[in-house]
Amino acid sequence: MKETIKLGSYLFIVCAVAGIALSATNYFTSQKIERQKKDIINNALKEVLPLAEKTRQKDSFVEGFDSENNLIGYVLKTDAAGYSSQIEILVGIDNDFNITGIKILSQAETPGLGSKITENDFLSQFVGLQPDKVLLKNDGGKIDAITSATISSRAVTDAVKKRIDEFKNNPPRRK
């Protein structure tokens, strides 16, 4: 009985020390982590809407403005079920709904195959396209699928096309 209490006490002390260490680490790093997340999003916004000097967050999208405060486009967020993960995507469009850029924010697709959806060779194919052309070539569009990663490729194209179409059919009201 004494041995059980002694081992239980040691276990309690180890767990308490670990809990305090984790709490302290979280306390000192949480603000830095949040800043880094914001920096990642801001850099992604610049990538998908490169001509925007300023941005303004709205409910379900971001507006982009040039240096003279003229609206030049939007950034839309969407997601898709890929082959092995949920894929988070940012897409920039100009006022005519032409794609200005695509950025994959997160994914956990198969390394070396589906993960190639993050590479410029794949993403650059979207730039300049209207939503009706955002399909894989096999589906009548302009996008080359990634070899051996058709599910991931189709997930991205379908999500981007669907999100732009939704936005186009329900444009924001201008004040």
N, C-alpha and C. Protein backbone atom coordinates (compact mmCIF):
# COMPACT_ATOMS: atom_id res chain seq x y z
N MET A 1 0.82 -1.19 0.00
CA MET A 1 0.00 0.00 0.00
C MET A 1 0.87 1.26 0.00
N LYS A 2 1.92 1.26 0.85
CA LYS A 2 2.82 2.41 0.89
C LYS A 2 3.51 2.60 -0.46
N GLU A 3 3.87 1.49 -1.08
CA GLU A 3 4.55 1.55 -2.39
C GLU A 3 3.63 2.18 -3.44
N THR A 4 2.37 1.84 -3.41
CA THR A 4 1.40 2.40 -4.36
C THR A 4 1.26 3.90 -4.15
N ILE A 5 1.17 4.33 -2.92
CA ILE A 5 1.07 5.77 -2.62
C ILE A 5 2.34 6.49 -3.05
N LYS A 6 3.46 5.89 -2.80
CA LYS A 6 4.75 6.49 -3.17
C LYS A 6 4.83 6.65 -4.70
N LEU A 7 4.49 5.59 -5.46
CA LEU A 7 4.53 5.66 -6.93
C LEU A 7 3.49 6.65 -7.45
N GLY A 8 2.32 6.68 -6.82
CA GLY A 8 1.28 7.63 -7.21
C GLY A 8 1.73 9.07 -6.99
N SER A 9 2.44 9.30 -5.91
CA SER A 9 2.95 10.64 -5.61
C SER A 9 3.98 11.07 -6.65
N TYR A 10 4.87 10.15 -7.00
CA TYR A 10 5.87 10.47 -8.04
C TYR A 10 5.19 10.79 -9.37
N LEU A 11 4.21 9.98 -9.71
CA LEU A 11 3.48 10.21 -10.96
C LEU A 11 2.78 11.56 -10.93
N PHE A 12 2.17 11.89 -9.80
CA PHE A 12 1.49 13.18 -9.66
C PHE A 12 2.48 14.33 -9.83
N ILE A 13 3.65 14.23 -9.23
CA ILE A 13 4.66 15.30 -9.32
C ILE A 13 5.13 15.46 -10.76
N VAL A 14 5.41 14.35 -11.43
CA VAL A 14 5.86 14.41 -12.82
C VAL A 14 4.78 15.05 -13.69
N CYS A 15 3.53 14.65 -13.51
CA CYS A 15 2.43 15.22 -14.31
C CYS A 15 2.24 16.70 -14.01
N ALA A 16 2.36 17.08 -12.76
CA ALA A 16 2.21 18.49 -12.37
C ALA A 16 3.30 19.34 -13.01
N VAL A 17 4.54 18.87 -12.95
CA VAL A 17 5.66 19.61 -13.56
C VAL A 17 5.46 19.72 -15.07
N ALA A 18 5.06 18.62 -15.71
CA ALA A 18 4.82 18.64 -17.16
C ALA A 18 3.69 19.61 -17.50
N GLY A 19 2.62 19.60 -16.73
CA GLY A 19 1.50 20.51 -16.97
C GLY A 19 1.90 21.96 -16.83
N ILE A 20 2.68 22.27 -15.81
CA ILE A 20 3.16 23.64 -15.61
C ILE A 20 4.08 24.06 -16.75
N ALA A 21 4.96 23.15 -17.17
CA ALA A 21 5.87 23.45 -18.29
C ALA A 21 5.09 23.71 -19.57
N LEU A 22 4.08 22.90 -19.85
CA LEU A 22 3.26 23.10 -21.06
C LEU A 22 2.48 24.41 -20.99
N SER A 23 1.94 24.72 -19.83
CA SER A 23 1.21 25.98 -19.66
C SER A 23 2.12 27.18 -19.88
N ALA A 24 3.31 27.13 -19.31
CA ALA A 24 4.27 28.23 -19.48
C ALA A 24 4.68 28.38 -20.94
N THR A 25 4.94 27.26 -21.61
CA THR A 25 5.31 27.30 -23.02
C THR A 25 4.18 27.91 -23.85
N ASN A 26 2.96 27.50 -23.59
CA ASN A 26 1.81 28.05 -24.31
C ASN A 26 1.68 29.55 -24.05
N TYR A 27 1.85 29.96 -22.82
CA TYR A 27 1.73 31.36 -22.45
C TYR A 27 2.74 32.22 -23.21
N PHE A 28 3.97 31.76 -23.29
CA PHE A 28 5.03 32.56 -23.91
C PHE A 28 5.06 32.45 -25.43
N THR A 29 4.41 31.46 -26.02
CA THR A 29 4.48 31.29 -27.48
C THR A 29 3.18 31.59 -28.21
N SER A 30 2.06 31.65 -27.53
CA SER A 30 0.77 31.79 -28.21
C SER A 30 0.67 33.07 -29.03
N GLN A 31 1.15 34.19 -28.51
CA GLN A 31 1.09 35.45 -29.27
C GLN A 31 1.97 35.39 -30.51
N LYS A 32 3.14 34.80 -30.39
CA LYS A 32 4.04 34.67 -31.54
C LYS A 32 3.42 33.77 -32.60
N ILE A 33 2.79 32.69 -32.18
CA ILE A 33 2.14 31.78 -33.12
C ILE A 33 1.02 32.50 -33.86
N GLU A 34 0.22 33.28 -33.16
CA GLU A 34 -0.87 34.04 -33.79
C GLU A 34 -0.31 35.06 -34.79
N ARG A 35 0.78 35.73 -34.43
CA ARG A 35 1.41 36.69 -35.36
C ARG A 35 1.89 35.98 -36.61
N GLN A 36 2.50 34.80 -36.44
CA GLN A 36 2.98 34.05 -37.59
C GLN A 36 1.83 33.61 -38.48
N LYS A 37 0.71 33.20 -37.90
CA LYS A 37 -0.46 32.82 -38.69
C LYS A 37 -0.97 34.01 -39.51
N LYS A 38 -1.01 35.19 -38.88
CA LYS A 38 -1.45 36.40 -39.59
C LYS A 38 -0.48 36.74 -40.71
N ASP A 39 0.82 36.60 -40.46
CA ASP A 39 1.82 36.86 -41.50
C ASP A 39 1.65 35.91 -42.68
N ILE A 40 1.39 34.64 -42.39
CA ILE A 40 1.18 33.65 -43.45
C ILE A 40 -0.03 34.04 -44.30
N ILE A 41 -1.12 34.43 -43.65
CA ILE A 41 -2.33 34.84 -44.39
C ILE A 41 -2.06 36.10 -45.20
N ASN A 42 -1.39 37.09 -44.61
CA ASN A 42 -1.08 38.33 -45.34
C ASN A 42 -0.21 38.06 -46.55
N ASN A 43 0.80 37.20 -46.40
CA ASN A 43 1.65 36.85 -47.54
C ASN A 43 0.85 36.10 -48.60
N ALA A 44 -0.05 35.23 -48.17
CA ALA A 44 -0.89 34.50 -49.12
C ALA A 44 -1.81 35.46 -49.87
N LEU A 45 -2.34 36.46 -49.18
CA LEU A 45 -3.19 37.46 -49.84
C LEU A 45 -2.40 38.19 -50.93
N LYS A 46 -1.15 38.52 -50.63
CA LYS A 46 -0.31 39.21 -51.62
C LYS A 46 -0.01 38.31 -52.81
N GLU A 47 0.12 37.01 -52.56
CA GLU A 47 0.39 36.07 -53.65
C GLU A 47 -0.80 35.92 -54.59
N VAL A 48 -2.00 35.82 -54.03
CA VAL A 48 -3.16 35.55 -54.88
C VAL A 48 -3.78 36.80 -55.48
N LEU A 49 -3.51 37.97 -54.91
CA LEU A 49 -3.98 39.24 -55.46
C LEU A 49 -2.80 40.21 -55.46
N PRO A 50 -1.82 39.97 -56.35
CA PRO A 50 -0.54 40.69 -56.28
C PRO A 50 -0.62 42.20 -56.49
N LEU A 51 -1.64 42.69 -57.18
CA LEU A 51 -1.72 44.13 -57.43
C LEU A 51 -2.36 44.91 -56.29
N ALA A 52 -2.86 44.22 -55.29
CA ALA A 52 -3.52 44.89 -54.16
C ALA A 52 -2.48 45.51 -53.24
N GLU A 53 -2.68 46.78 -52.96
CA GLU A 53 -1.83 47.51 -52.01
C GLU A 53 -2.41 47.42 -50.60
N LYS A 54 -3.75 47.34 -50.54
CA LYS A 54 -4.45 47.27 -49.26
C LYS A 54 -5.54 46.20 -49.38
N THR A 55 -5.88 45.62 -48.26
CA THR A 55 -6.99 44.67 -48.23
C THR A 55 -7.92 45.01 -47.08
N ARG A 56 -9.17 44.55 -47.23
CA ARG A 56 -10.16 44.75 -46.17
C ARG A 56 -10.98 43.46 -46.05
N GLN A 57 -11.02 42.93 -44.84
CA GLN A 57 -11.75 41.70 -44.57
C GLN A 57 -13.25 41.97 -44.53
N LYS A 58 -13.99 41.18 -45.26
CA LYS A 58 -15.46 41.19 -45.19
C LYS A 58 -15.89 39.88 -44.57
N ASP A 59 -17.18 39.61 -44.55
CA ASP A 59 -17.67 38.39 -43.89
C ASP A 59 -17.06 37.12 -44.47
N SER A 60 -17.19 36.92 -45.76
CA SER A 60 -16.75 35.65 -46.36
C SER A 60 -15.70 35.83 -47.45
N PHE A 61 -15.11 37.01 -47.52
CA PHE A 61 -14.10 37.28 -48.54
C PHE A 61 -13.26 38.48 -48.11
N VAL A 62 -12.23 38.75 -48.89
CA VAL A 62 -11.36 39.91 -48.66
C VAL A 62 -11.39 40.76 -49.91
N GLU A 63 -11.54 42.07 -49.73
CA GLU A 63 -11.48 42.99 -50.86
C GLU A 63 -10.04 43.50 -51.01
N GLY A 64 -9.60 43.67 -52.26
CA GLY A 64 -8.28 44.21 -52.53
C GLY A 64 -8.39 45.55 -53.24
N PHE A 65 -7.54 46.49 -52.82
CA PHE A 65 -7.57 47.84 -53.37
C PHE A 65 -6.19 48.25 -53.86
N ASP A 66 -6.16 49.09 -54.91
CA ASP A 66 -4.88 49.61 -55.37
C ASP A 66 -4.48 50.81 -54.53
N SER A 67 -3.40 51.47 -54.90
CA SER A 67 -2.87 52.58 -54.10
C SER A 67 -3.81 53.79 -54.08
N GLU A 68 -4.72 53.87 -55.06
CA GLU A 68 -5.69 54.98 -55.11
C GLU A 68 -7.03 54.59 -54.51
N ASN A 69 -7.05 53.46 -53.80
CA ASN A 69 -8.23 52.96 -53.12
C ASN A 69 -9.34 52.48 -54.06
N ASN A 70 -8.95 52.10 -55.28
CA ASN A 70 -9.91 51.51 -56.21
C ASN A 70 -9.97 50.01 -55.98
N LEU A 71 -11.18 49.46 -55.96
CA LEU A 71 -11.36 48.03 -55.79
C LEU A 71 -10.82 47.31 -57.02
N ILE A 72 -9.86 46.39 -56.81
CA ILE A 72 -9.28 45.69 -57.95
C ILE A 72 -9.57 44.19 -57.94
N GLY A 73 -10.13 43.68 -56.86
CA GLY A 73 -10.45 42.26 -56.84
C GLY A 73 -10.79 41.76 -55.45
N TYR A 74 -10.89 40.44 -55.39
CA TYR A 74 -11.32 39.79 -54.16
C TYR A 74 -10.45 38.56 -53.90
N VAL A 75 -10.40 38.17 -52.64
CA VAL A 75 -9.77 36.92 -52.26
C VAL A 75 -10.84 36.08 -51.57
N LEU A 76 -11.01 34.87 -52.07
CA LEU A 76 -12.02 33.96 -51.56
C LEU A 76 -11.34 32.76 -50.92
N LYS A 77 -11.91 32.27 -49.85
CA LYS A 77 -11.37 31.08 -49.20
C LYS A 77 -12.34 29.93 -49.45
N THR A 78 -11.79 28.76 -49.72
CA THR A 78 -12.61 27.57 -49.91
C THR A 78 -11.84 26.36 -49.42
N ASP A 79 -12.53 25.25 -49.38
CA ASP A 79 -11.84 24.01 -49.02
C ASP A 79 -12.46 22.86 -49.81
N ALA A 80 -11.72 21.77 -49.83
CA ALA A 80 -12.14 20.60 -50.60
C ALA A 80 -11.66 19.34 -49.92
N ALA A 81 -12.40 18.28 -50.11
CA ALA A 81 -11.98 16.97 -49.63
C ALA A 81 -11.07 16.36 -50.69
N GLY A 82 -9.79 16.25 -50.39
CA GLY A 82 -8.84 15.64 -51.31
C GLY A 82 -8.82 14.14 -51.14
N TYR A 83 -7.75 13.52 -51.62
CA TYR A 83 -7.62 12.07 -51.52
C TYR A 83 -7.47 11.62 -50.08
N SER A 84 -6.65 12.33 -49.31
CA SER A 84 -6.40 11.90 -47.93
C SER A 84 -6.52 13.01 -46.90
N SER A 85 -6.99 14.18 -47.31
CA SER A 85 -7.09 15.27 -46.35
C SER A 85 -8.06 16.33 -46.83
N GLN A 86 -8.31 17.28 -45.94
CA GLN A 86 -9.06 18.47 -46.29
C GLN A 86 -8.06 19.49 -46.81
N ILE A 87 -8.36 20.10 -47.94
CA ILE A 87 -7.46 21.06 -48.58
C ILE A 87 -8.06 22.45 -48.42
N GLU A 88 -7.31 23.38 -47.81
CA GLU A 88 -7.74 24.77 -47.67
C GLU A 88 -7.09 25.60 -48.77
N ILE A 89 -7.90 26.39 -49.45
CA ILE A 89 -7.44 27.11 -50.65
C ILE A 89 -7.83 28.58 -50.57
N LEU A 90 -6.91 29.46 -50.99
CA LEU A 90 -7.23 30.87 -51.22
C LEU A 90 -7.17 31.10 -52.72
N VAL A 91 -8.14 31.83 -53.24
CA VAL A 91 -8.14 32.16 -54.66
C VAL A 91 -8.39 33.66 -54.81
N GLY A 92 -7.56 34.30 -55.62
CA GLY A 92 -7.72 35.72 -55.91
C GLY A 92 -8.39 35.87 -57.26
N ILE A 93 -9.32 36.81 -57.35
CA ILE A 93 -9.99 37.10 -58.62
C ILE A 93 -10.04 38.61 -58.82
N ASP A 94 -10.02 39.02 -60.09
CA ASP A 94 -10.16 40.44 -60.37
C ASP A 94 -11.65 40.77 -60.51
N ASN A 95 -11.97 42.00 -60.86
CA ASN A 95 -13.37 42.43 -60.95
C ASN A 95 -14.14 41.73 -62.07
N ASP A 96 -13.43 41.13 -63.02
CA ASP A 96 -14.07 40.38 -64.11
C ASP A 96 -14.10 38.89 -63.84
N PHE A 97 -13.75 38.50 -62.62
CA PHE A 97 -13.74 37.10 -62.16
C PHE A 97 -12.64 36.26 -62.79
N ASN A 98 -11.62 36.90 -63.36
CA ASN A 98 -10.44 36.17 -63.82
C ASN A 98 -9.58 35.85 -62.60
N ILE A 99 -9.03 34.66 -62.56
CA ILE A 99 -8.21 34.25 -61.43
C ILE A 99 -6.86 34.97 -61.50
N THR A 100 -6.47 35.57 -60.38
CA THR A 100 -5.18 36.26 -60.30
C THR A 100 -4.14 35.43 -59.56
N GLY A 101 -4.59 34.42 -58.83
CA GLY A 101 -3.65 33.57 -58.12
C GLY A 101 -4.37 32.56 -57.24
N ILE A 102 -3.66 31.48 -56.95
CA ILE A 102 -4.17 30.40 -56.09
C ILE A 102 -3.08 30.08 -55.08
N LYS A 103 -3.50 29.82 -53.84
CA LYS A 103 -2.56 29.41 -52.79
C LYS A 103 -3.22 28.32 -51.97
N ILE A 104 -2.50 27.22 -51.79
CA ILE A 104 -2.96 26.15 -50.92
C ILE A 104 -2.47 26.49 -49.50
N LEU A 105 -3.40 26.72 -48.59
CA LEU A 105 -3.04 27.08 -47.22
C LEU A 105 -2.66 25.87 -46.39
N SER A 106 -3.40 24.79 -46.56
CA SER A 106 -3.07 23.58 -45.82
C SER A 106 -3.57 22.36 -46.58
N GLN A 107 -2.84 21.27 -46.42
CA GLN A 107 -3.20 20.00 -47.02
C GLN A 107 -2.33 18.92 -46.40
N ALA A 108 -2.78 17.69 -46.49
CA ALA A 108 -1.98 16.55 -46.02
C ALA A 108 -2.14 15.42 -47.03
N GLU A 109 -2.05 15.78 -48.29
CA GLU A 109 -2.17 14.78 -49.35
C GLU A 109 -0.91 13.91 -49.39
N THR A 110 -0.95 12.88 -50.18
CA THR A 110 0.16 11.93 -50.27
C THR A 110 1.45 12.65 -50.66
N PRO A 111 2.50 12.54 -49.83
CA PRO A 111 3.77 13.20 -50.16
C PRO A 111 4.32 12.70 -51.50
N GLY A 112 4.76 13.64 -52.33
CA GLY A 112 5.34 13.29 -53.62
C GLY A 112 4.32 13.09 -54.72
N LEU A 113 3.05 12.99 -54.37
CA LEU A 113 1.99 12.84 -55.38
C LEU A 113 0.98 13.98 -55.21
N GLY A 114 -0.02 13.76 -54.38
CA GLY A 114 -1.05 14.77 -54.17
C GLY A 114 -0.53 16.06 -53.59
N SER A 115 0.56 15.99 -52.85
CA SER A 115 1.12 17.20 -52.27
C SER A 115 1.66 18.16 -53.33
N LYS A 116 1.77 17.69 -54.56
CA LYS A 116 2.24 18.57 -55.65
C LYS A 116 1.21 19.64 -56.02
N ILE A 117 0.03 19.57 -55.43
CA ILE A 117 -0.96 20.63 -55.66
C ILE A 117 -0.47 21.97 -55.12
N THR A 118 0.54 21.95 -54.28
CA THR A 118 1.08 23.20 -53.71
C THR A 118 2.15 23.82 -54.59
N GLU A 119 2.58 23.10 -55.62
CA GLU A 119 3.69 23.57 -56.45
C GLU A 119 3.22 24.54 -57.52
N ASN A 120 4.11 25.44 -57.88
CA ASN A 120 3.81 26.48 -58.84
C ASN A 120 3.43 25.92 -60.22
N ASP A 121 4.01 24.79 -60.62
CA ASP A 121 3.67 24.20 -61.92
C ASP A 121 2.17 23.93 -62.03
N PHE A 122 1.57 23.49 -60.96
CA PHE A 122 0.13 23.21 -60.95
C PHE A 122 -0.67 24.50 -60.77
N LEU A 123 -0.32 25.29 -59.77
CA LEU A 123 -1.10 26.47 -59.43
C LEU A 123 -1.07 27.57 -60.48
N SER A 124 0.04 27.70 -61.19
CA SER A 124 0.16 28.76 -62.20
C SER A 124 -0.79 28.55 -63.37
N GLN A 125 -1.30 27.34 -63.55
CA GLN A 125 -2.24 27.07 -64.65
C GLN A 125 -3.57 27.80 -64.47
N PHE A 126 -3.89 28.18 -63.25
CA PHE A 126 -5.16 28.82 -62.95
C PHE A 126 -5.17 30.30 -63.31
N VAL A 127 -4.01 30.93 -63.27
CA VAL A 127 -3.92 32.38 -63.44
C VAL A 127 -4.46 32.80 -64.81
N GLY A 128 -5.39 33.76 -64.78
CA GLY A 128 -5.98 34.31 -66.00
C GLY A 128 -7.24 33.59 -66.46
N LEU A 129 -7.59 32.49 -65.82
CA LEU A 129 -8.76 31.73 -66.26
C LEU A 129 -10.05 32.28 -65.68
N GLN A 130 -11.10 32.15 -66.45
CA GLN A 130 -12.46 32.38 -65.98
C GLN A 130 -12.94 31.09 -65.31
N PRO A 131 -13.93 31.15 -64.43
CA PRO A 131 -14.35 29.95 -63.71
C PRO A 131 -14.81 28.80 -64.61
N ASP A 132 -15.38 29.11 -65.77
CA ASP A 132 -15.87 28.03 -66.64
C ASP A 132 -14.72 27.20 -67.24
N LYS A 133 -13.50 27.69 -67.19
CA LYS A 133 -12.34 26.96 -67.70
C LYS A 133 -11.54 26.28 -66.59
N VAL A 134 -12.00 26.44 -65.35
CA VAL A 134 -11.30 25.84 -64.21
C VAL A 134 -11.79 24.41 -64.04
N LEU A 135 -11.37 23.59 -64.98
CA LEU A 135 -11.66 22.15 -64.97
C LEU A 135 -10.41 21.44 -65.45
N LEU A 136 -10.29 20.18 -65.10
CA LEU A 136 -9.19 19.39 -65.64
C LEU A 136 -9.42 19.21 -67.13
N LYS A 137 -8.34 19.04 -67.88
CA LYS A 137 -8.46 18.85 -69.33
C LYS A 137 -9.37 17.67 -69.67
N ASN A 138 -9.31 16.60 -68.87
CA ASN A 138 -10.18 15.44 -69.10
C ASN A 138 -11.66 15.81 -68.96
N ASP A 139 -11.93 16.88 -68.22
CA ASP A 139 -13.31 17.32 -67.98
C ASP A 139 -13.69 18.49 -68.88
N GLY A 140 -12.85 18.83 -69.85
CA GLY A 140 -13.14 19.90 -70.79
C GLY A 140 -12.58 21.26 -70.40
N GLY A 141 -11.68 21.30 -69.46
CA GLY A 141 -11.11 22.56 -69.01
C GLY A 141 -9.69 22.78 -69.49
N LYS A 142 -8.95 23.62 -68.76
CA LYS A 142 -7.60 24.03 -69.15
C LYS A 142 -6.50 23.54 -68.21
N ILE A 143 -6.86 22.82 -67.16
CA ILE A 143 -5.89 22.46 -66.13
C ILE A 143 -5.38 21.04 -66.33
N ASP A 144 -4.05 20.89 -66.38
CA ASP A 144 -3.43 19.57 -66.41
C ASP A 144 -3.43 19.00 -65.00
N ALA A 145 -3.98 17.80 -64.86
CA ALA A 145 -3.96 17.14 -63.55
C ALA A 145 -2.54 16.70 -63.23
N ILE A 146 -2.28 16.55 -61.95
CA ILE A 146 -1.00 16.02 -61.51
C ILE A 146 -1.04 14.51 -61.72
N THR A 147 -0.01 13.98 -62.37
CA THR A 147 0.06 12.55 -62.63
C THR A 147 -0.05 11.76 -61.34
N SER A 148 -0.93 10.77 -61.33
CA SER A 148 -1.20 9.90 -60.17
C SER A 148 -1.84 10.64 -59.00
N ALA A 149 -2.35 11.84 -59.24
CA ALA A 149 -3.01 12.60 -58.17
C ALA A 149 -4.25 13.30 -58.72
N THR A 150 -5.02 12.58 -59.52
CA THR A 150 -6.20 13.16 -60.15
C THR A 150 -7.24 13.58 -59.12
N ILE A 151 -7.39 12.81 -58.06
CA ILE A 151 -8.40 13.15 -57.04
C ILE A 151 -8.05 14.48 -56.39
N SER A 152 -6.80 14.67 -56.02
CA SER A 152 -6.37 15.94 -55.40
C SER A 152 -6.51 17.08 -56.39
N SER A 153 -6.10 16.86 -57.64
CA SER A 153 -6.20 17.90 -58.67
C SER A 153 -7.65 18.30 -58.90
N ARG A 154 -8.51 17.31 -59.03
CA ARG A 154 -9.93 17.58 -59.27
C ARG A 154 -10.56 18.26 -58.05
N ALA A 155 -10.15 17.89 -56.86
CA ALA A 155 -10.68 18.53 -55.65
C ALA A 155 -10.40 20.02 -55.67
N VAL A 156 -9.18 20.39 -56.04
CA VAL A 156 -8.82 21.81 -56.09
C VAL A 156 -9.60 22.53 -57.18
N THR A 157 -9.62 21.98 -58.37
CA THR A 157 -10.32 22.66 -59.48
C THR A 157 -11.82 22.79 -59.19
N ASP A 158 -12.43 21.74 -58.70
CA ASP A 158 -13.86 21.79 -58.41
C ASP A 158 -14.18 22.81 -57.32
N ALA A 159 -13.37 22.84 -56.26
CA ALA A 159 -13.61 23.78 -55.16
C ALA A 159 -13.44 25.23 -55.61
N VAL A 160 -12.39 25.48 -56.40
CA VAL A 160 -12.14 26.84 -56.88
C VAL A 160 -13.28 27.29 -57.79
N LYS A 161 -13.65 26.45 -58.74
CA LYS A 161 -14.74 26.78 -59.67
C LYS A 161 -16.04 27.03 -58.92
N LYS A 162 -16.37 26.15 -57.99
CA LYS A 162 -17.62 26.28 -57.24
C LYS A 162 -17.64 27.56 -56.42
N ARG A 163 -16.52 27.88 -55.75
CA ARG A 163 -16.48 29.08 -54.90
C ARG A 163 -16.60 30.36 -55.72
N ILE A 164 -15.92 30.41 -56.87
CA ILE A 164 -16.02 31.60 -57.72
C ILE A 164 -17.43 31.73 -58.27
N ASP A 165 -18.03 30.62 -58.71
CA ASP A 165 -19.40 30.66 -59.22
C ASP A 165 -20.38 31.15 -58.15
N GLU A 166 -20.21 30.67 -56.91
CA GLU A 166 -21.07 31.13 -55.81
C GLU A 166 -20.92 32.63 -55.60
N PHE A 167 -19.68 33.10 -55.62
CA PHE A 167 -19.41 34.52 -55.42
C PHE A 167 -19.97 35.34 -56.58
N LYS A 168 -19.81 34.84 -57.78
CA LYS A 168 -20.29 35.54 -58.98
C LYS A 168 -21.81 35.65 -58.97
N ASN A 169 -22.49 34.61 -58.49
CA ASN A 169 -23.95 34.62 -58.45
C ASN A 169 -24.51 35.42 -57.28
N ASN A 170 -23.70 35.71 -56.29
CA ASN A 170 -24.10 36.53 -55.14
C ASN A 170 -23.03 37.57 -54.86
N PRO A 171 -22.84 38.51 -55.78
CA PRO A 171 -21.76 39.49 -55.60
C PRO A 171 -22.04 40.39 -54.39
N PRO A 172 -20.97 40.94 -53.81
CA PRO A 172 -21.16 41.84 -52.67
C PRO A 172 -21.86 43.13 -53.11
N ARG A 173 -22.64 43.67 -52.21
CA ARG A 173 -23.32 44.93 -52.49
C ARG A 173 -22.35 46.07 -52.24
N ARG A 174 -22.26 46.98 -53.16
CA ARG A 174 -21.39 48.15 -53.01
C ARG A 174 -22.18 49.25 -52.30
N LYS A 175 -21.51 49.94 -51.41
CA LYS A 175 -22.15 51.05 -50.67
C LYS A 175 -21.98 52.34 -51.40
